[in-house]
Amino acid sequence: MNLGDTQVWIPDPEEVWKSAEIATDYRVGDKVLRLLLEDGTELDYSVNPESLPPLRNPDILVGENDLTALSYLHEPAVLHNLRIRFAESKLIYTYSGIILVAMNPYKQLPIYGDAIIHAYSGQNMGDMDPHIFAVAEEAYKQMARNQSIIVSGESGAGKTVSARYAMRYFATVSKSGSNAHVEDKVLASNPITEAVGNAKTTRNDNSSRFGKYTEISFDEQNQIIGANMRTYLLEKSRVVFQSENERNYHIFYQLCASAQQSEFKHLKLGSAEEFNYTRMGGNTVIEGVNDRAEMVETQKTFTLLGKSKYPIRGCIAQWLCNRKIVTSSETVVKPMTRPQAVNARDALAKKIYAHLFDFIVERINQALQFSGKQHTFIGVLDIYGFETFDVNSFEQFCINYANEKLQQQFNMHVFKLEQEEYMKEDIPWTLIDFYDNQPVIDLIEAKMGILELLDEECLLPHGTDENWLQKLYNNFVNKNPLFEKPRMSNTSFVIQHFADKVEYKCEGFLEKNRDTVYDMLVEILRASKVCKVLVFRSSLYLLMETLNATTPHYVRCIKPNDEKLPFEFDSKRIVQQLRACGVLETIRISAQSYPSRWTYIEFYSRYGILMTKQELSFSDKKEVCKAVLHRLIQDSNQYQFGKTKIFFRAGQVAYLEKLRLDKLRQSCVVIQKHIRGWLQRKKFLRERRAALIIQRYFRGQQTVRLALKEAWAAIIIQKHCRGYLVRNLYQLIRVATITIQAYTRGFLARRRYRKMLEEHKAVILQKYARAWLARRRFQSIRRFVLNIQLTYRVQRLQKKLEDQVGAHSASFTFTFSYMAVVYLKPRGVVVNMIPGLPAHILFMCVRYADSLNDANMLKSLMNSTINGIKQVVKEHLEDFEMLSFWLSNTCHFLNCLKQYSGEEEFMKHNSPHQNKNCLNNFDLSEYRQILSDVAIRIYHQFIIIMEKNIQPIIVPGMLEYESLQGISGLKPTGFRKRSSSVDDTDAYTMTSVLQQLSYFYTTMCQNGLDPELVRQAVKQLFFLIGAVTLNSLFLRKDMCSCRKGMQIRCNISYLEEWLKDKNLQNSLAKETLEPLSQAAWLLQVKKTTDSDAKEIYERCTSLSAVQIIKILNSYTPIDDFEKRVTPSFVRKVQALLNSREDSSQLMLDTKYLFQVTFPFTPSPHALEMIQIPSSFKLGFLNRL
């Protein structure tokens, strides 16, 4: 078997698994494999022919968003994929089928802002990078049925933070209009429960010591209307005992730190070191946490619940020191011993705190109650994951019991989804072998099971842990394979859980189950006497009943190391948790079925290179895929053809990738062969041409030398001959010239004398003639001027009379006509009329009121005009054409008020005739400011409508659409891609983006919008296009490739060409695309050497350091021959970028608006030349 150069995984005591390469071919029956390790050493590795080392996935599949997209599905592949994503790419989220695996980075990351929330809102889960927001969006989108998000993991893995972010996502996207601020109350419940239910442990500085299920209620509009919280397994023992380097609950230290505040002085508190319950762990301070500031935050959130008193009366003191013994004849009060008193005190403290905790939860629920009808809900469960310690007691038993129930529910849900997928694709359903944990659950909760025997022993007056344990031995040892008795202990028992074997110490089981408090203390507190395990079992039953009625979404939180170091990957700890939380079991189940699933289109695009001409000739792509698979994979059991997808068993995609890579390599060799031949021929032709040139030059030189010698001799002879002939001719011409000059000068002198005599006589005659003509013309002009002056005075008096007679009738017509102007529609104005006609007519009305010097009329006119424009805009908030039309006219009206204001700075562009139309009586600068504010509001709404229309097109057109031949590089996809909650919508292309931009531009131009304002609007649109595309690129690792960078650069060139075509190059719109352009360049540039790192630092000036590192970490090669970005190179770039002082935000703010300026552009149209439609009955305006 030819396995040379094949990479495999072998066990390793330090890293769990390490990679090796097979150095020699393997033959069936070989017991030893010669392996070459990554450090260059060779190893003879013993193998079992029936269990060979697991194969390593091809590099193209490493770093996938979804573990189920891996071709080889096994533990080392999962561990390696998580290591690449977490330790190298700094990506903390990864899908594993329906599970979101969340690694705690132990570092604040800029991936939870509102911009990220809006980026995930409305998106398909499989299209974006894995994120807690993607899971929350999927749940929010599917709320036709109740949903639940189950967050689990061990202490310090980040469960509470993940649940908090999910709830914050719902609060942000639901956008409730309630005056009660329900979302704020829901989020405020988190700081409160963390203060009273979280504590510092050796594993986690903010460890939740209880389980919590929060049910968020929504109305029919998917808005939050309320919530309800249930809690489980509060660790009451922490109130009275903390291990070394641990603390009690946060609230105690917050109270002590705030002891000097007026509202807490009556408690007479001191430092936390003064109290036994708070100093027991030896460390009362958490590094980086200010307990006093935390108390302020807790108080703020408590105000949402209202104030309440929970009095502790002095009567408790008596029964802390005495006990009552009741006999048949009398009641005796007997003093306790010191140990008994301490136990009584501790028991009461635990009971009080448990009641206080329940009381606070009850008050939170009261504050979150709602009066409306709940339509659906989303439940968020934050609960301990599977736990196993050196010493495991009652608490671990309850936690692991709950996890067994959750794992059973998870198994059922996984198989339900698989069965639905198979039925949908018409694939035969085959039963998959999986671990069924029902026997473990029966062992714990069945009749005469562990819990029932525990309750039975608790009811006995003298029941002990030892008696109960003996009953377990008698009932289960050698009878139930899941129960064992340790060899070296008689106080423990072992249960085989789904994750691992766990040994439990029986000590304290009965006491903790009874939750014992002396009778008088119980009477004071009116405590329940129900056994704790019964309460827990009933609450767990209700929880499972609720979860089974919902669509669950799973988040498994993983703690990468115990030292809380940022992005440190401890393989041993991680594998332990992956086994415990069921991720590896899910992978194992997936590997037994068909984990890799491709649509026919995806398969055709990816593996078209493997198809023959005959296969490509088929018109049906589905038949092409079937034909090529039958040829390439002989075993038909390795794949299945569904209605829309092809299903592959584990390893088949890796095999196809190998065939594809081999084909590409063969093609490269052929191309290289032809290119090398072409280069050699080109070199030969170049050398032959050079030789011919040299020969031609040499022969030319010989010929030139001979010609020069002959030419030189001829020149000498010609020189002497020409000199003799020229001297003879010169002497002859000189004599003739002197003779001609003498006669010519005499003739010219006589002619000049005669001319001067004639001119002297003509001047005398002209003087007398001009004087007579001037006197005659003056008399004619004087008569003409007198006639004109008289005529003008008559006409002015007649016009004044006419105006006074018609003033009242004109104002009546004017009052109603200008409102018709305000309600003009764009289509009825722009045809055959000047831009801004309504604005010019409105100003002519203003000028009319000014000419009458009527202040009331002018005030009424301006107020009505402004209110009319506001009303029209309010009625057409979604009408882009109407907004464009009235933005244009508002700006034109504002310009007219400036142009004819009489102010010198605005009049310098006017013609003399236009200056005569200036206002004479009123200063309208105050109204100009109001109009400017109105224009700004219209402009902002105008931009909002454009952004609303173009935003859904941006990502499909700019990022997803592939127009370049050979650019398509689809990769294997996981569960999230294969099962989408959103159907495919109409595909948008780059043409769609350009068409939408052209529509906006044409509409703005038709409505006469000022060119400068058009440029500002286009700049805003281009900023949105760049920001939305770049934000999506940050959140989509599958888009960060060299080929996608080429496509983005091509799309940017289309936008630049559009700007050039519309003559908008000077709009600064191109500059807003610079961050996107640099990101596209960064995807394409070489990323290997120090000089590459320096070039990236110098050129990517429009991207922040966070953004550059994010792109480098997300870079994903599409083919095996592309190189990945190494962590060392990323560190080099990071070191260079450390000197920058730029934003730490990852996402660009898509809501950012550039400041708008309205340019002053004087109107070239004379007012008297404007044609007012006769239907307005405003003809008298033209007579001004």
Foldseek 3Di string as FASTA:
>chain_A
DAQAQFKFWDQDPFQRIFIWGFHDGDDQPDQWTWTQGPVGDIDTHGDDSVDGTHTEFFPQCAQDQEQLLTQFFFDVNVLRSCLLCCQFLVHQWHHHFLAIEGADQLDDAQQQDPVNLVLLAPDWLQFWRDDLSSLLNVQLVPQLFFEEEEEEEAWQLCLLVSLLSSLVSLLVVQPDPDPLSLSLLVSLVSLQQQQLAFWCDLQHRRTGQKKKKKKFFADPSSHTFFIAMDIGRRPLLLQADDAAPIFRGLNVQLLQLCCPDPVNVVVVHHHLCVDNSGCRNVDNDDPPDDSPVSNVSNVVSCVLLPDDDDDDDPVVVVCLQWAWDDDPPDIDIGGDDPVVSVVQVSLLSSVVSVVVSVVVSVSSRVSRDGDDDGSYIYMYIRAYFQDADPAAEQSNVLRLLLNLLVVQVVVVLVVVVVVVVCVQQVHDDDDFDADHQVLLNCQDDNVVHLVVLLVVLLPDPPRDLLVSLVSCCVPDDVNPPQKHDDPPDSQWIWGQGQQGIHIHGSPPNSCQQQSDHRDVSCVVVVDDRHGPVVVNVVVSVVVSVVNSSHHYRYYYRAHQDSVSHRSHHRSVRRSSRCSRNCSSSSSVRCLRWFSFKDFLVLCCVAQVLQFDPVLVVDPDSLSSVVVSCVVPPVPPVQWDGTPGMITGHRPPVSVSQVVVVVSVVVVVVVVVVVVVVVVVVVVVVVVVVVVVVVVVVVVVVVVVVVVVVVVVVVVVVVVVVVVVVVVVVVVVVVVVVVVVVVVVVVVVVVVVVVVVVVVVVVVVVVVVVVVVVVVVVVVVVVVVVVVVVVVVVVVVVVVVVVCVVCVVVLVVLVVPLLLVLLPDALVVALPPADFLLNLLVLVLLLLVCLVVVPPVSNVVSLVCSLVSNVVQCVVPLLPLLRLLLSLQNLLQNLLVCQCQQLDPVNPPPPDPVQVVSHRDRDHCVVSSVVSVVVSVVSLLSSLVNLCVVQVVQQCLAQQVDDDDPPLDQDRTGGSSVVDIPDDDDDRHHLVNNLVSLVVSLVSNVSNPHDPLQSLQSLLLVLLLSLQSNLQSLLGRLVRLALSSLVSNLVSLVVVVVSCVVVVNPVSCSNVSNQQVNLSSVLRNDDQDDLVSLVVNLVRNPVAALQQSSSSLSSHNYSGSVDDHHGSVSSVSNSVSRVPDDDDSNNGDDSSDHDDDDSDNDHDPDRSLPHDDPVVSVNVVSNVD
